[in-house]
Amino acid sequence: MSKRRHRIRVFLNEPGRIELATVLTPWLRVGATFGAYVECRKVDDSGAYFEMLLDLQPDDDESVDVRLRVPHHFVSGVLDVSDFDAFSALYSA
């Protein structure tokens, strides 16, 4: 299993990606095998908005927590796997 910290990938639909592109620049991964996604530490989909807990790592290597709330209709799916690299390898095989 990868030594990488556990992350949850939140996939955005096209309107969400376009609308949030500027705000999500440090986190948005476009052109991935599965589509545009944001890597999160935690998510909460129980409120009026879909909440994502993101890391921002400035130059001094200290991580800063960033909470971002987006409309639910911008989210197309959530992928939570223990080893994303292994999952990607299986998916692309």
Protein backbone atom coordinates (compact mmCIF):
# COMPACT_ATOMS: atom_id res chain seq x y z
CA MET A 1 0.00 0.00 0.00
CA SER A 2 1.15 3.54 -0.71
CA LYS A 3 2.75 5.47 2.14
CA ARG A 4 0.83 8.53 1.01
CA ARG A 5 -1.69 10.01 3.43
CA HIS A 6 -5.30 8.96 2.94
CA ARG A 7 -7.10 11.34 0.62
CA ILE A 8 -10.62 11.57 -0.72
CA ARG A 9 -11.13 12.66 -4.31
CA VAL A 10 -14.13 14.83 -5.08
CA PHE A 11 -15.00 14.89 -8.77
CA LEU A 12 -16.55 18.01 -10.18
CA ASN A 13 -18.93 18.19 -13.09
CA GLU A 14 -18.23 20.58 -15.96
CA PRO A 15 -20.23 23.56 -14.58
CA GLY A 16 -18.57 23.10 -11.18
CA ARG A 17 -15.09 22.91 -12.67
CA ILE A 18 -15.63 26.05 -14.74
CA GLU A 19 -17.25 28.04 -11.93
CA LEU A 20 -14.67 27.08 -9.28
CA ALA A 21 -11.53 26.97 -11.44
CA THR A 22 -10.07 30.21 -10.05
CA VAL A 23 -10.78 29.39 -6.41
CA LEU A 24 -9.54 25.80 -6.73
CA THR A 25 -6.37 26.52 -8.72
CA PRO A 26 -3.99 25.10 -6.04
CA TRP A 27 -6.02 21.88 -5.70
CA LEU A 28 -7.84 21.14 -8.95
CA ARG A 29 -6.43 18.24 -10.97
CA VAL A 30 -7.62 18.38 -14.57
CA GLY A 31 -6.97 15.75 -17.21
CA ALA A 32 -6.75 12.91 -14.73
CA THR A 33 -7.84 9.44 -15.77
CA PHE A 34 -11.15 9.89 -13.98
CA GLY A 35 -11.79 13.57 -14.81
CA ALA A 36 -11.31 16.81 -12.87
CA TYR A 37 -11.05 16.27 -9.14
CA VAL A 38 -10.01 17.92 -5.89
CA GLU A 39 -7.99 15.99 -3.32
CA CYS A 40 -9.43 16.44 0.19
CA ARG A 41 -8.64 15.30 3.70
CA LYS A 42 -12.30 15.21 4.74
CA VAL A 43 -15.67 15.88 3.19
CA ASP A 44 -19.09 16.55 4.68
CA ASP A 45 -22.09 16.27 2.40
CA SER A 46 -24.76 16.52 5.09
CA GLY A 47 -25.27 20.30 5.12
CA ALA A 48 -26.72 22.85 2.75
CA TYR A 49 -23.35 22.90 0.98
CA PHE A 50 -20.81 20.20 0.19
CA GLU A 51 -17.87 20.94 2.51
CA MET A 52 -14.29 19.98 1.63
CA LEU A 53 -11.30 20.18 3.97
CA LEU A 54 -8.23 20.96 1.85
CA ASP A 55 -4.53 21.40 2.63
CA LEU A 56 -2.61 24.46 1.57
CA GLN A 57 1.12 24.06 1.96
CA PRO A 58 2.94 27.40 1.71
CA ASP A 59 6.69 27.70 1.23
CA ASP A 60 7.46 27.18 4.92
CA ASP A 61 6.15 23.57 4.75
CA GLU A 62 3.50 24.15 7.40
CA SER A 63 0.12 22.91 6.26
CA VAL A 64 -2.85 25.25 6.53
CA ASP A 65 -6.40 23.88 6.67
CA VAL A 66 -8.80 25.36 4.14
CA ARG A 67 -12.53 24.64 4.35
CA LEU A 68 -14.40 25.16 1.12
CA ARG A 69 -18.15 24.84 0.76
CA VAL A 70 -19.61 24.39 -2.71
CA PRO A 71 -23.14 23.73 -3.98
CA HIS A 72 -23.98 20.03 -4.09
CA HIS A 73 -24.87 20.21 -7.78
CA PHE A 74 -21.18 20.94 -8.63
CA VAL A 75 -20.12 17.51 -7.33
CA SER A 76 -20.46 14.52 -9.64
CA GLY A 77 -18.92 11.93 -7.32
CA VAL A 78 -16.64 11.08 -4.41
CA LEU A 79 -13.92 8.42 -4.54
CA ASP A 80 -12.57 7.18 -1.23
CA VAL A 81 -10.05 4.33 -1.59
CA SER A 82 -7.21 3.31 0.69
CA ASP A 83 -4.62 3.20 -2.13
CA PHE A 84 -5.47 5.41 -5.09
CA ASP A 85 -2.36 4.43 -7.06
CA ALA A 86 -3.26 0.73 -6.89
CA PHE A 87 -6.85 1.53 -7.78
CA SER A 88 -5.72 3.60 -10.79
CA ALA A 89 -3.50 0.75 -11.98
CA LEU A 90 -6.40 -1.72 -11.79
CA TYR A 91 -8.75 0.70 -13.50
CA SER A 92 -6.42 1.41 -16.41
CA ALA A 93 -5.47 -2.26 -16.97
